[in-house]
Amino acid sequence: MDMDKEVRNILNELRQKVESSEDGSIYGDRSKALEDIESVQASSSTEQLSYLLAPTANLQELAIENGWGQEFNNLASKLEKLLGI
């Protein structure tokens, strides 16, 4: 399944948030989150995207520790709705 422009825009927004974040204290590895987003952007796998957005996964932990946890939840919900996952 090809990702449409809106999905790619949301992934780019997540990437920008991660790039401006610091590593979490215990969880939330910034470089791993960037790798994961790049991997999703390079593929068309919604399964891979669902792992990226999973509760308590690296990206959510990074978002929470950097103060944008609610924004992450909102963006994740939009992606899940757009992709039906």
Protein backbone atom coordinates (compact mmCIF):
# COMPACT_ATOMS: atom_id res chain seq x y z
CA MET A 1 0.00 0.00 0.00
CA ASP A 2 1.44 3.36 -1.00
CA MET A 3 1.36 5.99 1.68
CA ASP A 4 -0.49 9.08 0.62
CA LYS A 5 0.72 12.64 1.03
CA GLU A 6 -1.12 13.21 4.31
CA VAL A 7 0.49 10.13 5.88
CA ARG A 8 3.93 11.22 4.71
CA ASN A 9 3.33 14.73 6.08
CA ILE A 10 2.47 13.32 9.50
CA LEU A 11 5.57 11.10 9.44
CA ASN A 12 7.66 14.15 8.52
CA GLU A 13 6.12 16.06 11.43
CA LEU A 14 7.00 13.20 13.79
CA ARG A 15 10.54 13.17 12.39
CA GLN A 16 10.92 16.91 13.01
CA LYS A 17 9.70 16.47 16.60
CA VAL A 18 12.21 13.67 17.17
CA GLU A 19 15.05 15.67 15.61
CA SER A 20 14.38 18.51 18.05
CA SER A 21 14.14 16.15 21.05
CA GLU A 22 16.77 14.86 23.42
CA ASP A 23 17.28 11.22 24.33
CA GLY A 24 15.05 10.07 27.17
CA SER A 25 16.51 9.38 30.58
CA ILE A 26 15.63 5.68 30.65
CA TYR A 27 13.49 5.06 27.59
CA GLY A 28 13.21 6.91 24.33
CA ASP A 29 16.26 6.49 22.11
CA ARG A 30 16.35 9.44 19.69
CA SER A 31 18.59 7.83 17.07
CA LYS A 32 16.52 4.61 17.09
CA ALA A 33 13.32 6.63 16.67
CA LEU A 34 14.81 8.42 13.65
CA GLU A 35 15.91 5.08 12.15
CA ASP A 36 12.43 3.65 12.69
CA ILE A 37 10.71 6.62 11.03
CA GLU A 38 13.11 6.49 8.07
CA SER A 39 12.46 2.78 7.70
CA VAL A 40 8.69 3.31 7.66
CA GLN A 41 9.03 6.14 5.15
CA ALA A 42 11.10 3.90 2.86
CA SER A 43 8.58 1.07 2.93
CA SER A 44 4.86 0.77 2.44
CA SER A 45 4.27 -1.53 5.39
CA THR A 46 1.44 -0.53 7.68
CA GLU A 47 2.52 -3.34 10.01
CA GLN A 48 5.86 -1.63 10.55
CA LEU A 49 4.05 1.64 11.17
CA SER A 50 1.81 0.03 13.79
CA TYR A 51 4.92 -1.07 15.72
CA LEU A 52 6.29 2.46 15.55
CA LEU A 53 3.08 3.88 17.02
CA ALA A 54 2.51 1.21 19.68
CA PRO A 55 1.87 2.37 23.25
CA THR A 56 5.05 2.33 25.34
CA ALA A 57 7.17 1.87 22.22
CA ASN A 58 10.35 3.90 21.82
CA LEU A 59 8.76 6.79 19.92
CA GLN A 60 5.97 7.33 22.45
CA GLU A 61 8.41 7.17 25.36
CA LEU A 62 10.66 9.73 23.67
CA ALA A 63 7.68 12.00 23.06
CA ILE A 64 6.52 11.79 26.68
CA GLU A 65 9.98 12.49 28.08
CA ASN A 66 10.34 15.51 25.79
CA GLY A 67 6.96 17.04 26.59
CA TRP A 68 5.06 16.25 23.41
CA GLY A 69 3.35 13.03 24.45
CA GLN A 70 -0.19 14.29 23.81
CA GLU A 71 0.80 15.61 20.40
CA PHE A 72 2.29 12.19 19.62
CA ASN A 73 -0.99 10.53 20.61
CA ASN A 74 -2.92 12.90 18.34
CA LEU A 75 -0.60 12.29 15.37
CA ALA A 76 -0.63 8.53 15.96
CA SER A 77 -4.43 8.55 16.04
CA LYS A 78 -4.56 10.43 12.73
CA LEU A 79 -2.19 7.93 11.12
CA GLU A 80 -4.12 4.95 12.46
CA LYS A 81 -7.37 6.40 11.15
CA LEU A 82 -5.94 7.20 7.72
CA LEU A 83 -4.45 3.73 7.36
CA GLY A 84 -7.18 1.75 9.07
CA ILE A 85 -4.84 0.19 11.63
